[in-house]
Amino acid sequence: MGIRRGYVWALSALTALAGMLIALGLWAYAYAPLEQSEPELRVTIERGASLRAIAASLDGQGLRVSAPLFWLVARMRGDAGRLQAGNYQIKAPSTLREILDRMVRGDVLLAQLRFIEGWTFAEMRTAIDQHPELRHDTVGMSESALLARIGAEEKRAEGLFLPDTYHFAAGTSDVEIFRQAHRELREALDAAWKERSPGLPYADSYQALIMASIVEKETGSDAERPKVAAVFVNRLRRGMALQSDPTTIYGMGAKFDGNLRKADLLTDTPYNTYTRGGLTPTPIALPGRASIRAALNPAPIAALYFVSRGDGSSEFSDDLASHNRAVNRYQLKRR
């Protein structure tokens, strides 16, 4: 019995020693810099990939890892099921421990997409549809279905998304971009609505959004946005037609060829503010924060007209006679 116990003890000791050696080997492997095919690598972890699939993928992308050792180290650390999908930038020298830590935290490279102030919803949607790092879940989806998907209550999508730069992990659903841009717009509009000037001729914040979109298309000057908004607010208060070229152009749709003619101004559409009074039925573009603020805090001026000086600025007039003189000075003399 003593000899048997000796064998058992020796076997246990050898097993423990072997376990220690394996653990030390794994520890050394985890802390040793991995060989890379290039000093900087961009590697992709697919959603739902197993540890072995991740190891094989990393090796195929230039990060030299042993699949069995990768699996053992990750299992010992408790990382199975915790590694997050996405794109990662790996700079040499990097150890397996450092790489696993980053993948557990989800320190992924972020893609970005910028929506420009004054874009239409159609232009925004095209940019989303063409982005290579988004998951395109809304392609072919109707406008009403898309709005329902993101929880928007409005019936039309125009103007409901805030132009800005949005960052996201590769593989993010385009639904999330629409949802985030809509949420940002609502927050910006609600905040500006609370701080609005008294006595504005808007029934609700949506009408203010319509005005902001018109201001956005009428001027690219932040300094002049409140003045342009004041002109249109003053016209609304007096019951005058807004007579905005951008609204008329929007109503023409694909028919607009780059030249706005007198016949176009006389052709009635729901967006022709020469033939119809009041605001347009919907926004005509994506207004930025500055235009939203201007629509809700117009400049305290009595101007009813403005005309471009041709240098990026505008001449504002309180009456038609002054406006006609400005048109003659800045427009007619250039023809």
C-alpha atoms as a PDB file:
ATOM      1  CA  MET A   1       0.000   0.000   0.000  1.00  0.00           C
ATOM      2  CA  GLY A   2       2.904   2.345   0.775  1.00  0.00           C
ATOM      3  CA  ILE A   3       4.369   1.799  -2.681  1.00  0.00           C
ATOM      4  CA  ARG A   4       0.983   2.456  -4.286  1.00  0.00           C
ATOM      5  CA  ARG A   5       0.580   5.682  -2.302  1.00  0.00           C
ATOM      6  CA  GLY A   6       4.049   6.671  -3.449  1.00  0.00           C
ATOM      7  CA  TYR A   7       3.084   6.131  -7.050  1.00  0.00           C
ATOM      8  CA  VAL A   8      -0.100   8.140  -6.572  1.00  0.00           C
ATOM      9  CA  TRP A   9       1.801  10.950  -4.908  1.00  0.00           C
ATOM     10  CA  ALA A  10       4.420  10.954  -7.632  1.00  0.00           C
ATOM     11  CA  LEU A  11       1.774  10.955 -10.348  1.00  0.00           C
ATOM     12  CA  SER A  12      -0.068  13.821  -8.656  1.00  0.00           C
ATOM     13  CA  ALA A  13       3.155  15.756  -8.336  1.00  0.00           C
ATOM     14  CA  LEU A  14       4.015  15.181 -11.968  1.00  0.00           C
ATOM     15  CA  THR A  15       0.499  16.214 -13.004  1.00  0.00           C
ATOM     16  CA  ALA A  16       0.752  19.364 -10.917  1.00  0.00           C
ATOM     17  CA  LEU A  17       4.189  20.094 -12.333  1.00  0.00           C
ATOM     18  CA  ALA A  18       2.920  19.559 -15.851  1.00  0.00           C
ATOM     19  CA  GLY A  19      -0.013  21.886 -15.131  1.00  0.00           C
ATOM     20  CA  MET A  20       2.375  24.510 -13.780  1.00  0.00           C
ATOM     21  CA  LEU A  21       4.593  24.210 -16.831  1.00  0.00           C
ATOM     22  CA  ILE A  22       1.595  24.522 -19.141  1.00  0.00           C
ATOM     23  CA  ALA A  23       0.336  27.537 -17.183  1.00  0.00           C
ATOM     24  CA  LEU A  24       3.791  29.121 -17.306  1.00  0.00           C
ATOM     25  CA  GLY A  25       3.985  28.443 -21.023  1.00  0.00           C
ATOM     26  CA  LEU A  26       0.569  30.007 -21.603  1.00  0.00           C
ATOM     27  CA  TRP A  27       1.513  32.962 -19.407  1.00  0.00           C
ATOM     28  CA  ALA A  28       4.705  33.452 -21.400  1.00  0.00           C
ATOM     29  CA  TYR A  29       2.798  33.184 -24.681  1.00  0.00           C
ATOM     30  CA  ALA A  30       0.165  35.668 -23.529  1.00  0.00           C
ATOM     31  CA  TYR A  31       2.799  38.235 -22.566  1.00  0.00           C
ATOM     32  CA  ALA A  32       5.111  37.795 -25.553  1.00  0.00           C
ATOM     33  CA  PRO A  33       4.743  40.163 -28.528  1.00  0.00           C
ATOM     34  CA  LEU A  34       2.998  38.479 -31.424  1.00  0.00           C
ATOM     35  CA  GLU A  35       4.480  38.482 -34.892  1.00  0.00           C
ATOM     36  CA  GLN A  36       2.631  40.702 -37.397  1.00  0.00           C
ATOM     37  CA  SER A  37       2.804  40.822 -41.171  1.00  0.00           C
ATOM     38  CA  GLU A  38       2.813  44.638 -40.970  1.00  0.00           C
ATOM     39  CA  PRO A  39       3.630  47.139 -38.191  1.00  0.00           C
ATOM     40  CA  GLU A  40      -0.016  48.239 -38.146  1.00  0.00           C
ATOM     41  CA  LEU A  41      -2.864  45.887 -38.911  1.00  0.00           C
ATOM     42  CA  ARG A  42      -6.578  46.421 -39.185  1.00  0.00           C
ATOM     43  CA  VAL A  43      -8.282  43.174 -38.237  1.00  0.00           C
ATOM     44  CA  THR A  44     -11.964  42.303 -38.199  1.00  0.00           C
ATOM     45  CA  ILE A  45     -13.819  40.090 -35.731  1.00  0.00           C
ATOM     46  CA  GLU A  46     -17.085  38.837 -37.123  1.00  0.00           C
ATOM     47  CA  ARG A  47     -20.233  38.863 -35.021  1.00  0.00           C
ATOM     48  CA  GLY A  48     -20.877  35.521 -33.277  1.00  0.00           C
ATOM     49  CA  ALA A  49     -17.481  33.988 -34.173  1.00  0.00           C
ATOM     50  CA  SER A  50     -16.097  31.254 -31.886  1.00  0.00           C
ATOM     51  CA  LEU A  51     -12.668  31.485 -30.238  1.00  0.00           C
ATOM     52  CA  ARG A  52     -11.185  29.084 -32.794  1.00  0.00           C
ATOM     53  CA  ALA A  53     -12.781  30.986 -35.677  1.00  0.00           C
ATOM     54  CA  ILE A  54     -11.418  34.268 -34.281  1.00  0.00           C
ATOM     55  CA  ALA A  55      -7.904  32.802 -33.986  1.00  0.00           C
ATOM     56  CA  ALA A  56      -8.008  31.508 -37.553  1.00  0.00           C
ATOM     57  CA  SER A  57      -9.330  34.840 -38.791  1.00  0.00           C
ATOM     58  CA  LEU A  58      -6.623  36.825 -36.990  1.00  0.00           C
ATOM     59  CA  ASP A  59      -3.918  34.574 -38.401  1.00  0.00           C
ATOM     60  CA  GLY A  60      -5.350  35.001 -41.880  1.00  0.00           C
ATOM     61  CA  GLN A  61      -5.299  38.779 -41.451  1.00  0.00           C
ATOM     62  CA  GLY A  62      -1.601  38.888 -40.585  1.00  0.00           C
ATOM     63  CA  LEU A  63      -1.551  38.502 -36.799  1.00  0.00           C
ATOM     64  CA  ARG A  64       0.377  35.289 -36.180  1.00  0.00           C
ATOM     65  CA  VAL A  65      -1.458  33.434 -33.445  1.00  0.00           C
ATOM     66  CA  SER A  66      -1.590  29.750 -32.579  1.00  0.00           C
ATOM     67  CA  ALA A  67      -5.225  28.672 -32.634  1.00  0.00           C
ATOM     68  CA  PRO A  68      -4.841  26.116 -29.777  1.00  0.00           C
ATOM     69  CA  LEU A  69      -2.893  28.529 -27.586  1.00  0.00           C
ATOM     70  CA  PHE A  70      -5.263  31.412 -28.359  1.00  0.00           C
ATOM     71  CA  TRP A  71      -8.166  29.175 -27.350  1.00  0.00           C
ATOM     72  CA  LEU A  72      -6.469  28.034 -24.116  1.00  0.00           C
ATOM     73  CA  VAL A  73      -5.435  31.532 -23.030  1.00  0.00           C
ATOM     74  CA  ALA A  74      -8.859  32.994 -23.782  1.00  0.00           C
ATOM     75  CA  ARG A  75     -10.590  30.129 -21.929  1.00  0.00           C
ATOM     76  CA  MET A  76      -8.308  30.490 -18.892  1.00  0.00           C
ATOM     77  CA  ARG A  77      -9.098  34.208 -18.774  1.00  0.00           C
ATOM     78  CA  GLY A  78     -12.832  33.566 -19.051  1.00  0.00           C
ATOM     79  CA  ASP A  79     -13.062  35.457 -22.340  1.00  0.00           C
ATOM     80  CA  ALA A  80     -15.225  32.949 -24.218  1.00  0.00           C
ATOM     81  CA  GLY A  81     -18.331  34.818 -25.399  1.00  0.00           C
ATOM     82  CA  ARG A  82     -16.922  38.185 -24.262  1.00  0.00           C
ATOM     83  CA  LEU A  83     -14.889  39.184 -27.326  1.00  0.00           C
ATOM     84  CA  GLN A  84     -16.742  41.903 -29.200  1.00  0.00           C
ATOM     85  CA  ALA A  85     -17.136  42.043 -32.960  1.00  0.00           C
ATOM     86  CA  GLY A  86     -15.749  44.922 -34.960  1.00  0.00           C
ATOM     87  CA  ASN A  87     -12.607  46.347 -36.544  1.00  0.00           C
ATOM     88  CA  TYR A  88      -9.461  46.674 -34.438  1.00  0.00           C
ATOM     89  CA  GLN A  89      -6.176  48.415 -35.111  1.00  0.00           C
ATOM     90  CA  ILE A  90      -3.221  46.335 -33.881  1.00  0.00           C
ATOM     91  CA  LYS A  91       0.144  48.083 -33.632  1.00  0.00           C
ATOM     92  CA  ALA A  92       3.349  46.110 -33.144  1.00  0.00           C
ATOM     93  CA  PRO A  93       4.502  45.101 -30.626  1.00  0.00           C
ATOM     94  CA  SER A  94       1.242  43.808 -29.146  1.00  0.00           C
ATOM     95  CA  THR A  95       0.773  40.855 -26.830  1.00  0.00           C
ATOM     96  CA  LEU A  96      -2.121  38.430 -26.834  1.00  0.00           C
ATOM     97  CA  ARG A  97      -3.118  39.677 -23.380  1.00  0.00           C
ATOM     98  CA  GLU A  98      -3.330  43.265 -24.642  1.00  0.00           C
ATOM     99  CA  ILE A  99      -5.298  42.232 -27.707  1.00  0.00           C
ATOM    100  CA  LEU A 100      -7.768  40.162 -25.689  1.00  0.00           C
ATOM    101  CA  ASP A 101      -8.209  43.031 -23.213  1.00  0.00           C
ATOM    102  CA  ARG A 102      -9.097  45.385 -26.077  1.00  0.00           C
ATOM    103  CA  MET A 103     -11.517  42.911 -27.616  1.00  0.00           C
ATOM    104  CA  VAL A 104     -13.264  42.386 -24.291  1.00  0.00           C
ATOM    105  CA  ARG A 105     -13.598  46.172 -23.838  1.00  0.00           C
ATOM    106  CA  GLY A 106     -14.726  46.557 -27.445  1.00  0.00           C
ATOM    107  CA  ASP A 107     -12.099  49.192 -28.306  1.00  0.00           C
ATOM    108  CA  VAL A 108     -13.050  49.026 -31.953  1.00  0.00           C
ATOM    109  CA  LEU A 109     -12.133  51.396 -34.736  1.00  0.00           C
ATOM    110  CA  LEU A 110     -15.078  53.691 -35.375  1.00  0.00           C
ATOM    111  CA  ALA A 111     -16.285  54.528 -38.835  1.00  0.00           C
ATOM    112  CA  GLN A 112     -17.913  57.891 -39.443  1.00  0.00           C
ATOM    113  CA  LEU A 113     -20.570  59.423 -41.624  1.00  0.00           C
ATOM    114  CA  ARG A 114     -21.303  63.116 -41.994  1.00  0.00           C
ATOM    115  CA  PHE A 115     -24.625  64.624 -43.004  1.00  0.00           C
ATOM    116  CA  ILE A 116     -24.303  68.141 -44.410  1.00  0.00           C
ATOM    117  CA  GLU A 117     -26.548  71.046 -43.417  1.00  0.00           C
ATOM    118  CA  GLY A 118     -29.018  71.669 -46.220  1.00  0.00           C
ATOM    119  CA  TRP A 119     -29.014  68.119 -47.546  1.00  0.00           C
ATOM    120  CA  THR A 120     -32.378  66.656 -48.395  1.00  0.00           C
ATOM    121  CA  PHE A 121     -33.528  63.408 -46.824  1.00  0.00           C
ATOM    122  CA  ALA A 122     -32.928  61.707 -50.174  1.00  0.00           C
ATOM    123  CA  GLU A 123     -29.284  62.816 -50.153  1.00  0.00           C
ATOM    124  CA  MET A 124     -28.884  61.634 -46.571  1.00  0.00           C
ATOM    125  CA  ARG A 125     -30.389  58.257 -47.384  1.00  0.00           C
ATOM    126  CA  THR A 126     -28.100  57.829 -50.381  1.00  0.00           C
ATOM    127  CA  ALA A 127     -25.051  58.502 -48.191  1.00  0.00           C
ATOM    128  CA  ILE A 128     -26.246  55.875 -45.707  1.00  0.00           C
ATOM    129  CA  ASP A 129     -27.026  53.323 -48.417  1.00  0.00           C
ATOM    130  CA  GLN A 130     -23.560  53.756 -49.925  1.00  0.00           C
ATOM    131  CA  HIS A 131     -21.537  53.534 -46.696  1.00  0.00           C
ATOM    132  CA  PRO A 132     -19.519  50.291 -46.843  1.00  0.00           C
ATOM    133  CA  GLU A 133     -19.271  49.732 -43.081  1.00  0.00           C
ATOM    134  CA  LEU A 134     -22.954  49.903 -42.222  1.00  0.00           C
ATOM    135  CA  ARG A 135     -25.321  46.964 -42.171  1.00  0.00           C
ATOM    136  CA  HIS A 136     -28.013  47.970 -44.633  1.00  0.00           C
ATOM    137  CA  ASP A 137     -31.313  46.937 -43.075  1.00  0.00           C
ATOM    138  CA  THR A 138     -33.431  49.757 -44.546  1.00  0.00           C
ATOM    139  CA  VAL A 139     -32.648  49.369 -48.245  1.00  0.00           C
ATOM    140  CA  GLY A 140     -35.966  49.264 -50.076  1.00  0.00           C
ATOM    141  CA  MET A 141     -37.889  50.163 -46.930  1.00  0.00           C
ATOM    142  CA  SER A 142     -40.626  52.744 -47.475  1.00  0.00           C
ATOM    143  CA  GLU A 143     -40.312  56.148 -45.862  1.00  0.00           C
ATOM    144  CA  SER A 144     -43.298  55.511 -43.597  1.00  0.00           C
ATOM    145  CA  ALA A 145     -41.949  52.113 -42.523  1.00  0.00           C
ATOM    146  CA  LEU A 146     -38.561  53.635 -41.743  1.00  0.00           C
ATOM    147  CA  LEU A 147     -40.134  56.365 -39.616  1.00  0.00           C
ATOM    148  CA  ALA A 148     -42.165  53.773 -37.739  1.00  0.00           C
ATOM    149  CA  ARG A 149     -39.022  51.691 -37.206  1.00  0.00           C
ATOM    150  CA  ILE A 150     -37.208  54.555 -35.454  1.00  0.00           C
ATOM    151  CA  GLY A 151     -40.251  55.682 -33.479  1.00  0.00           C
ATOM    152  CA  ALA A 152     -40.855  58.959 -35.333  1.00  0.00           C
ATOM    153  CA  GLU A 153     -44.420  60.261 -35.207  1.00  0.00           C
ATOM    154  CA  GLU A 154     -44.222  62.447 -38.309  1.00  0.00           C
ATOM    155  CA  LYS A 155     -45.529  61.237 -41.674  1.00  0.00           C
ATOM    156  CA  ARG A 156     -42.673  62.679 -43.768  1.00  0.00           C
ATOM    157  CA  ALA A 157     -38.959  62.204 -43.141  1.00  0.00           C
ATOM    158  CA  GLU A 158     -37.718  65.488 -44.616  1.00  0.00           C
ATOM    159  CA  GLY A 159     -35.927  67.602 -42.022  1.00  0.00           C
ATOM    160  CA  LEU A 160     -36.245  65.086 -39.179  1.00  0.00           C
ATOM    161  CA  PHE A 161     -32.533  64.281 -38.880  1.00  0.00           C
ATOM    162  CA  LEU A 162     -29.794  66.495 -37.487  1.00  0.00           C
ATOM    163  CA  PRO A 163     -26.855  67.096 -39.823  1.00  0.00           C
ATOM    164  CA  ASP A 164     -23.695  66.169 -37.950  1.00  0.00           C
ATOM    165  CA  THR A 165     -20.839  63.658 -37.967  1.00  0.00           C
ATOM    166  CA  TYR A 166     -21.852  60.281 -36.575  1.00  0.00           C
ATOM    167  CA  HIS A 167     -19.403  57.599 -35.389  1.00  0.00           C
ATOM    168  CA  PHE A 168     -20.192  53.904 -35.248  1.00  0.00           C
ATOM    169  CA  ALA A 169     -18.634  50.467 -35.185  1.00  0.00           C
ATOM    170  CA  ALA A 170     -18.450  48.546 -38.442  1.00  0.00           C
ATOM    171  CA  GLY A 171     -21.476  46.340 -38.892  1.00  0.00           C
ATOM    172  CA  THR A 172     -23.831  48.728 -37.107  1.00  0.00           C
ATOM    173  CA  SER A 173     -27.341  48.685 -38.540  1.00  0.00           C
ATOM    174  CA  ASP A 174     -28.272  51.750 -40.573  1.00  0.00           C
ATOM    175  CA  VAL A 175     -31.440  51.829 -38.468  1.00  0.00           C
ATOM    176  CA  GLU A 176     -29.295  52.985 -35.544  1.00  0.00           C
ATOM    177  CA  ILE A 177     -27.877  55.885 -37.564  1.00  0.00           C
ATOM    178  CA  PHE A 178     -31.362  57.040 -38.558  1.00  0.00           C
ATOM    179  CA  ARG A 179     -32.534  56.633 -34.963  1.00  0.00           C
ATOM    180  CA  GLN A 180     -29.580  58.559 -33.511  1.00  0.00           C
ATOM    181  CA  ALA A 181     -29.819  61.409 -36.036  1.00  0.00           C
ATOM    182  CA  HIS A 182     -33.550  61.712 -35.360  1.00  0.00           C
ATOM    183  CA  ARG A 183     -33.010  61.714 -31.606  1.00  0.00           C
ATOM    184  CA  GLU A 184     -30.339  64.422 -31.930  1.00  0.00           C
ATOM    185  CA  LEU A 185     -32.711  66.532 -34.023  1.00  0.00           C
ATOM    186  CA  ARG A 186     -35.520  66.177 -31.480  1.00  0.00           C
ATOM    187  CA  GLU A 187     -33.218  67.151 -28.623  1.00  0.00           C
ATOM    188  CA  ALA A 188     -31.841  70.182 -30.478  1.00  0.00           C
ATOM    189  CA  LEU A 189     -35.319  71.325 -31.543  1.00  0.00           C
ATOM    190  CA  ASP A 190     -36.885  70.808 -28.108  1.00  0.00           C
ATOM    191  CA  ALA A 191     -34.066  72.713 -26.397  1.00  0.00           C
ATOM    192  CA  ALA A 192     -34.369  75.638 -28.832  1.00  0.00           C
ATOM    193  CA  TRP A 193     -38.174  75.612 -28.548  1.00  0.00           C
ATOM    194  CA  LYS A 194     -37.929  76.089 -24.775  1.00  0.00           C
ATOM    195  CA  GLU A 195     -35.679  79.116 -25.305  1.00  0.00           C
ATOM    196  CA  ARG A 196     -37.680  80.649 -28.176  1.00  0.00           C
ATOM    197  CA  SER A 197     -38.527  84.315 -28.470  1.00  0.00           C
ATOM    198  CA  PRO A 198     -42.093  85.224 -27.468  1.00  0.00           C
ATOM    199  CA  GLY A 199     -44.851  85.811 -29.989  1.00  0.00           C
ATOM    200  CA  LEU A 200     -43.517  83.751 -32.871  1.00  0.00           C
ATOM    201  CA  PRO A 201     -46.088  82.797 -35.545  1.00  0.00           C
ATOM    202  CA  TYR A 202     -45.601  79.042 -35.172  1.00  0.00           C
ATOM    203  CA  ALA A 203     -48.334  76.680 -34.053  1.00  0.00           C
ATOM    204  CA  ASP A 204     -45.783  74.123 -32.836  1.00  0.00           C
ATOM    205  CA  SER A 205     -42.128  73.146 -32.987  1.00  0.00           C
ATOM    206  CA  TYR A 206     -42.639  71.340 -36.309  1.00  0.00           C
ATOM    207  CA  GLN A 207     -43.513  74.652 -37.969  1.00  0.00           C
ATOM    208  CA  ALA A 208     -40.337  76.087 -36.461  1.00  0.00           C
ATOM    209  CA  LEU A 209     -38.456  73.195 -38.025  1.00  0.00           C
ATOM    210  CA  ILE A 210     -39.980  74.047 -41.400  1.00  0.00           C
ATOM    211  CA  MET A 211     -38.801  77.629 -41.014  1.00  0.00           C
ATOM    212  CA  ALA A 212     -35.324  76.449 -39.956  1.00  0.00           C
ATOM    213  CA  SER A 213     -35.048  74.389 -43.138  1.00  0.00           C
ATOM    214  CA  ILE A 214     -35.938  77.415 -45.269  1.00  0.00           C
ATOM    215  CA  VAL A 215     -33.356  79.540 -43.461  1.00  0.00           C
ATOM    216  CA  GLU A 216     -30.792  76.770 -43.988  1.00  0.00           C
ATOM    217  CA  LYS A 217     -31.300  76.830 -47.752  1.00  0.00           C
ATOM    218  CA  GLU A 218     -31.459  80.618 -48.016  1.00  0.00           C
ATOM    219  CA  THR A 219     -28.061  81.418 -46.498  1.00  0.00           C
ATOM    220  CA  GLY A 220     -24.793  79.794 -45.544  1.00  0.00           C
ATOM    221  CA  SER A 221     -23.825  82.659 -43.257  1.00  0.00           C
ATOM    222  CA  ASP A 222     -24.240  81.981 -39.549  1.00  0.00           C
ATOM    223  CA  ALA A 223     -24.224  85.734 -38.880  1.00  0.00           C
ATOM    224  CA  GLU A 224     -27.139  86.327 -41.277  1.00  0.00           C
ATOM    225  CA  ARG A 225     -29.342  83.378 -40.327  1.00  0.00           C
ATOM    226  CA  PRO A 226     -31.227  85.335 -37.594  1.00  0.00           C
ATOM    227  CA  LYS A 227     -31.822  88.204 -40.051  1.00  0.00           C
ATOM    228  CA  VAL A 228     -33.091  85.880 -42.782  1.00  0.00           C
ATOM    229  CA  ALA A 229     -35.361  84.206 -40.229  1.00  0.00           C
ATOM    230  CA  ALA A 230     -36.605  87.644 -39.169  1.00  0.00           C
ATOM    231  CA  VAL A 231     -37.598  88.498 -42.748  1.00  0.00           C
ATOM    232  CA  PHE A 232     -39.723  85.375 -43.089  1.00  0.00           C
ATOM    233  CA  VAL A 233     -41.204  85.710 -39.590  1.00  0.00           C
ATOM    234  CA  ASN A 234     -42.131  89.323 -40.334  1.00  0.00           C
ATOM    235  CA  ARG A 235     -43.780  88.215 -43.574  1.00  0.00           C
ATOM    236  CA  LEU A 236     -45.772  85.514 -41.784  1.00  0.00           C
ATOM    237  CA  ARG A 237     -46.983  88.032 -39.219  1.00  0.00           C
ATOM    238  CA  ARG A 238     -48.204  90.344 -41.989  1.00  0.00           C
ATOM    239  CA  GLY A 239     -49.797  87.579 -44.037  1.00  0.00           C
ATOM    240  CA  MET A 240     -47.335  88.097 -46.877  1.00  0.00           C
ATOM    241  CA  ALA A 241     -46.155  85.265 -49.082  1.00  0.00           C
ATOM    242  CA  LEU A 242     -42.686  84.048 -48.146  1.00  0.00           C
ATOM    243  CA  GLN A 243     -41.528  84.115 -51.793  1.00  0.00           C
ATOM    244  CA  SER A 244     -38.588  81.798 -51.157  1.00  0.00           C
ATOM    245  CA  ASP A 245     -36.766  80.417 -54.192  1.00  0.00           C
ATOM    246  CA  PRO A 246     -35.477  77.286 -52.373  1.00  0.00           C
ATOM    247  CA  THR A 247     -39.011  76.189 -51.424  1.00  0.00           C
ATOM    248  CA  THR A 248     -40.148  76.581 -55.014  1.00  0.00           C
ATOM    249  CA  ILE A 249     -37.141  74.637 -56.272  1.00  0.00           C
ATOM    250  CA  TYR A 250     -37.866  71.854 -53.767  1.00  0.00           C
ATOM    251  CA  GLY A 251     -41.426  71.615 -55.052  1.00  0.00           C
ATOM    252  CA  MET A 252     -40.172  71.237 -58.621  1.00  0.00           C
ATOM    253  CA  GLY A 253     -38.255  68.097 -57.708  1.00  0.00           C
ATOM    254  CA  ALA A 254     -36.415  66.479 -60.629  1.00  0.00           C
ATOM    255  CA  LYS A 255     -37.825  69.091 -63.024  1.00  0.00           C
ATOM    256  CA  PHE A 256     -35.405  71.714 -61.718  1.00  0.00           C
ATOM    257  CA  ASP A 257     -32.481  71.984 -64.144  1.00  0.00           C
ATOM    258  CA  GLY A 258     -30.428  74.544 -62.243  1.00  0.00           C
ATOM    259  CA  ASN A 259     -32.235  77.601 -63.605  1.00  0.00           C
ATOM    260  CA  LEU A 260     -35.275  79.069 -61.872  1.00  0.00           C
ATOM    261  CA  ARG A 261     -37.452  80.811 -64.422  1.00  0.00           C
ATOM    262  CA  LYS A 262     -40.409  83.165 -64.078  1.00  0.00           C
ATOM    263  CA  ALA A 263     -42.696  80.408 -65.330  1.00  0.00           C
ATOM    264  CA  ASP A 264     -41.485  78.221 -62.453  1.00  0.00           C
ATOM    265  CA  LEU A 265     -42.447  80.904 -59.949  1.00  0.00           C
ATOM    266  CA  LEU A 266     -45.957  80.952 -61.407  1.00  0.00           C
ATOM    267  CA  THR A 267     -46.373  77.163 -61.472  1.00  0.00           C
ATOM    268  CA  ASP A 268     -48.279  76.149 -58.371  1.00  0.00           C
ATOM    269  CA  THR A 269     -47.063  73.343 -56.114  1.00  0.00           C
ATOM    270  CA  PRO A 270     -47.549  72.812 -52.367  1.00  0.00           C
ATOM    271  CA  TYR A 271     -44.023  74.217 -51.914  1.00  0.00           C
ATOM    272  CA  ASN A 272     -44.294  77.272 -54.170  1.00  0.00           C
ATOM    273  CA  THR A 273     -44.289  80.128 -51.674  1.00  0.00           C
ATOM    274  CA  TYR A 274     -44.896  82.608 -54.486  1.00  0.00           C
ATOM    275  CA  THR A 275     -48.309  81.106 -55.260  1.00  0.00           C
ATOM    276  CA  ARG A 276     -49.224  79.953 -51.756  1.00  0.00           C
ATOM    277  CA  GLY A 277     -49.218  81.720 -48.420  1.00  0.00           C
ATOM    278  CA  GLY A 278     -47.804  80.488 -45.121  1.00  0.00           C
ATOM    279  CA  LEU A 279     -45.218  77.815 -44.485  1.00  0.00           C
ATOM    280  CA  THR A 280     -44.593  74.803 -46.675  1.00  0.00           C
ATOM    281  CA  PRO A 281     -46.209  71.477 -45.690  1.00  0.00           C
ATOM    282  CA  THR A 282     -42.892  69.986 -44.538  1.00  0.00           C
ATOM    283  CA  PRO A 283     -39.286  71.057 -44.135  1.00  0.00           C
ATOM    284  CA  ILE A 284     -37.348  71.266 -47.392  1.00  0.00           C
ATOM    285  CA  ALA A 285     -33.955  70.118 -46.065  1.00  0.00           C
ATOM    286  CA  LEU A 286     -31.991  69.077 -42.997  1.00  0.00           C
ATOM    287  CA  PRO A 287     -31.515  72.223 -40.901  1.00  0.00           C
ATOM    288  CA  GLY A 288     -28.484  72.528 -38.652  1.00  0.00           C
ATOM    289  CA  ARG A 289     -28.412  73.788 -35.079  1.00  0.00           C
ATOM    290  CA  ALA A 290     -27.650  77.384 -36.129  1.00  0.00           C
ATOM    291  CA  SER A 291     -30.694  77.549 -38.412  1.00  0.00           C
ATOM    292  CA  ILE A 292     -32.933  76.025 -35.732  1.00  0.00           C
ATOM    293  CA  ARG A 293     -31.778  78.630 -33.233  1.00  0.00           C
ATOM    294  CA  ALA A 294     -32.278  81.409 -35.798  1.00  0.00           C
ATOM    295  CA  ALA A 295     -35.826  80.297 -36.618  1.00  0.00           C
ATOM    296  CA  LEU A 296     -36.718  80.400 -32.920  1.00  0.00           C
ATOM    297  CA  ASN A 297     -34.744  83.542 -32.097  1.00  0.00           C
ATOM    298  CA  PRO A 298     -34.918  85.788 -35.171  1.00  0.00           C
ATOM    299  CA  ALA A 299     -33.102  89.105 -35.166  1.00  0.00           C
ATOM    300  CA  PRO A 300     -35.127  92.063 -33.802  1.00  0.00           C
ATOM    301  CA  ILE A 301     -35.347  93.847 -37.147  1.00  0.00           C
ATOM    302  CA  ALA A 302     -38.310  95.031 -39.262  1.00  0.00           C
ATOM    303  CA  ALA A 303     -36.891  93.859 -42.608  1.00  0.00           C
ATOM    304  CA  LEU A 304     -39.271  92.267 -45.121  1.00  0.00           C
ATOM    305  CA  TYR A 305     -36.821  91.744 -47.984  1.00  0.00           C
ATOM    306  CA  PHE A 306     -33.247  90.734 -48.626  1.00  0.00           C
ATOM    307  CA  VAL A 307     -31.075  90.385 -51.695  1.00  0.00           C
ATOM    308  CA  SER A 308     -27.598  88.941 -52.184  1.00  0.00           C
ATOM    309  CA  ARG A 309     -24.779  91.425 -52.587  1.00  0.00           C
ATOM    310  CA  GLY A 310     -22.796  88.833 -54.521  1.00  0.00           C
ATOM    311  CA  ASP A 311     -20.048  88.532 -51.909  1.00  0.00           C
ATOM    312  CA  GLY A 312     -21.742  86.078 -49.565  1.00  0.00           C
ATOM    313  CA  SER A 313     -23.632  88.757 -47.649  1.00  0.00           C
ATOM    314  CA  SER A 314     -27.128  90.185 -48.100  1.00  0.00           C
ATOM    315  CA  GLU A 315     -28.778  93.598 -48.129  1.00  0.00           C
ATOM    316  CA  PHE A 316     -31.873  93.735 -45.889  1.00  0.00           C
ATOM    317  CA  SER A 317     -34.675  96.227 -46.537  1.00  0.00           C
ATOM    318  CA  ASP A 318     -37.759  97.272 -44.573  1.00  0.00           C
ATOM    319  CA  ASP A 319     -39.841  98.321 -47.595  1.00  0.00           C
ATOM    320  CA  LEU A 320     -40.268  97.470 -51.248  1.00  0.00           C
ATOM    321  CA  ALA A 321     -38.796 100.718 -52.580  1.00  0.00           C
ATOM    322  CA  SER A 322     -35.556 100.172 -50.676  1.00  0.00           C
ATOM    323  CA  HIS A 323     -35.494  96.554 -51.773  1.00  0.00           C
ATOM    324  CA  ASN A 324     -35.906  97.510 -55.437  1.00  0.00           C
ATOM    325  CA  ARG A 325     -32.995  99.921 -55.139  1.00  0.00           C
ATOM    326  CA  ALA A 326     -30.893  97.144 -53.592  1.00  0.00           C
ATOM    327  CA  VAL A 327     -31.872  94.737 -56.361  1.00  0.00           C
ATOM    328  CA  ASN A 328     -30.844  97.329 -58.949  1.00  0.00           C
ATOM    329  CA  ARG A 329     -27.562  97.962 -57.174  1.00  0.00           C
ATOM    330  CA  TYR A 330     -26.496  94.382 -56.512  1.00  0.00           C
ATOM    331  CA  GLN A 331     -28.360  92.279 -59.082  1.00  0.00           C
ATOM    332  CA  LEU A 332     -29.283  94.200 -62.207  1.00  0.00           C
ATOM    333  CA  LYS A 333     -25.909  95.891 -62.619  1.00  0.00           C
ATOM    334  CA  ARG A 334     -24.221  92.481 -62.881  1.00  0.00           C
ATOM    335  CA  ARG A 335     -26.383  91.376 -65.818  1.00  0.00           C
END
